[in-house]
Amino acid sequence: MREGRKSKLSFNEHIYEKVNKSYSILGLIKKSFTHANEAAFIMLYKSIVRSHLDHAHSIRSPHKQYLIEEIEKVQKQQL
């Protein structure tokens, strides 16, 4: 564990960090690939964005509804 970090890990912080990173990457994809067809966009989304969301989910399956909704918001944003 890094120095200066809290000794108590917060999974909520981890999930929010992954959600924010996913939004950031999704924005970059939308901005950079404006002329990409739907299949290419879905491939980029699944390979880059969803991997971050899967990591947030696999670390600790969120049992709190508001955390599940945060992850699902990113997935709905893609559509």
Protein backbone atom coordinates (compact mmCIF):
# COMPACT_ATOMS: atom_id res chain seq x y z
CA MET A 1 0.00 0.00 0.00
CA ARG A 2 1.29 3.46 -0.83
CA GLU A 3 2.28 5.84 1.90
CA GLY A 4 -0.17 8.64 2.44
CA ARG A 5 -3.13 6.49 1.48
CA LYS A 6 -5.83 5.67 3.94
CA SER A 7 -5.26 2.39 5.65
CA LYS A 8 -8.96 1.58 5.26
CA LEU A 9 -9.84 0.87 1.66
CA SER A 10 -13.12 2.25 0.40
CA PHE A 11 -14.82 0.29 -2.35
CA ASN A 12 -17.19 3.19 -2.97
CA GLU A 13 -14.22 5.38 -3.86
CA HIS A 14 -12.86 2.66 -6.11
CA ILE A 15 -16.15 2.30 -7.97
CA TYR A 16 -16.53 6.07 -8.40
CA GLU A 17 -12.94 6.28 -9.64
CA LYS A 18 -13.63 3.60 -12.27
CA VAL A 19 -16.93 5.21 -13.28
CA ASN A 20 -15.26 8.61 -13.73
CA LYS A 21 -12.42 7.07 -15.71
CA SER A 22 -14.97 5.28 -17.92
CA TYR A 23 -16.83 8.55 -18.59
CA SER A 24 -13.54 10.20 -19.48
CA ILE A 25 -12.55 7.45 -21.90
CA LEU A 26 -16.04 7.35 -23.41
CA GLY A 27 -15.85 11.10 -24.04
CA LEU A 28 -12.46 10.73 -25.72
CA ILE A 29 -13.76 7.94 -27.94
CA LYS A 30 -16.82 9.97 -28.97
CA LYS A 31 -14.65 13.01 -29.65
CA SER A 32 -11.88 11.19 -31.49
CA PHE A 33 -13.94 8.78 -33.56
CA THR A 34 -16.77 11.01 -34.80
CA HIS A 35 -16.86 9.26 -38.18
CA ALA A 36 -16.62 5.70 -36.88
CA ASN A 37 -19.46 3.40 -37.74
CA GLU A 38 -21.56 1.81 -35.01
CA ALA A 39 -19.71 -1.51 -35.09
CA ALA A 40 -16.33 0.19 -34.61
CA PHE A 41 -17.69 2.32 -31.78
CA ILE A 42 -19.14 -0.71 -30.01
CA MET A 43 -15.83 -2.55 -30.38
CA LEU A 44 -13.96 0.41 -28.83
CA TYR A 45 -16.53 0.68 -26.05
CA LYS A 46 -16.40 -3.01 -25.19
CA SER A 47 -12.62 -3.25 -25.29
CA ILE A 48 -11.76 -0.05 -23.43
CA VAL A 49 -14.66 1.41 -21.45
CA ARG A 50 -16.38 -1.77 -20.38
CA SER A 51 -13.11 -3.25 -19.13
CA HIS A 52 -12.93 -0.44 -16.56
CA LEU A 53 -16.52 -1.04 -15.51
CA ASP A 54 -15.95 -4.78 -15.29
CA HIS A 55 -12.97 -4.13 -13.03
CA ALA A 56 -15.13 -1.96 -10.77
CA HIS A 57 -17.70 -4.72 -10.63
CA SER A 58 -15.30 -7.62 -10.19
CA ILE A 59 -13.43 -6.10 -7.27
CA ARG A 60 -16.55 -6.11 -5.20
CA SER A 61 -19.94 -6.71 -6.63
CA PRO A 62 -21.75 -3.61 -5.44
CA HIS A 63 -24.68 -4.51 -3.26
CA LYS A 64 -25.82 -0.92 -2.80
CA GLN A 65 -28.32 0.17 -5.41
CA TYR A 66 -26.78 3.63 -5.91
CA LEU A 67 -23.41 2.09 -6.85
CA ILE A 68 -25.06 -0.25 -9.33
CA GLU A 69 -26.88 2.72 -10.84
CA GLU A 70 -23.62 4.66 -11.22
CA ILE A 71 -22.09 1.83 -13.24
CA GLU A 72 -25.25 1.43 -15.33
CA LYS A 73 -25.33 5.18 -16.13
CA VAL A 74 -22.05 4.83 -18.02
CA GLN A 75 -23.39 1.86 -19.94
CA LYS A 76 -26.56 3.76 -20.87
CA GLN A 77 -24.48 6.79 -21.93
CA GLN A 78 -22.90 4.65 -24.65
CA LEU A 79 -26.28 4.09 -26.29
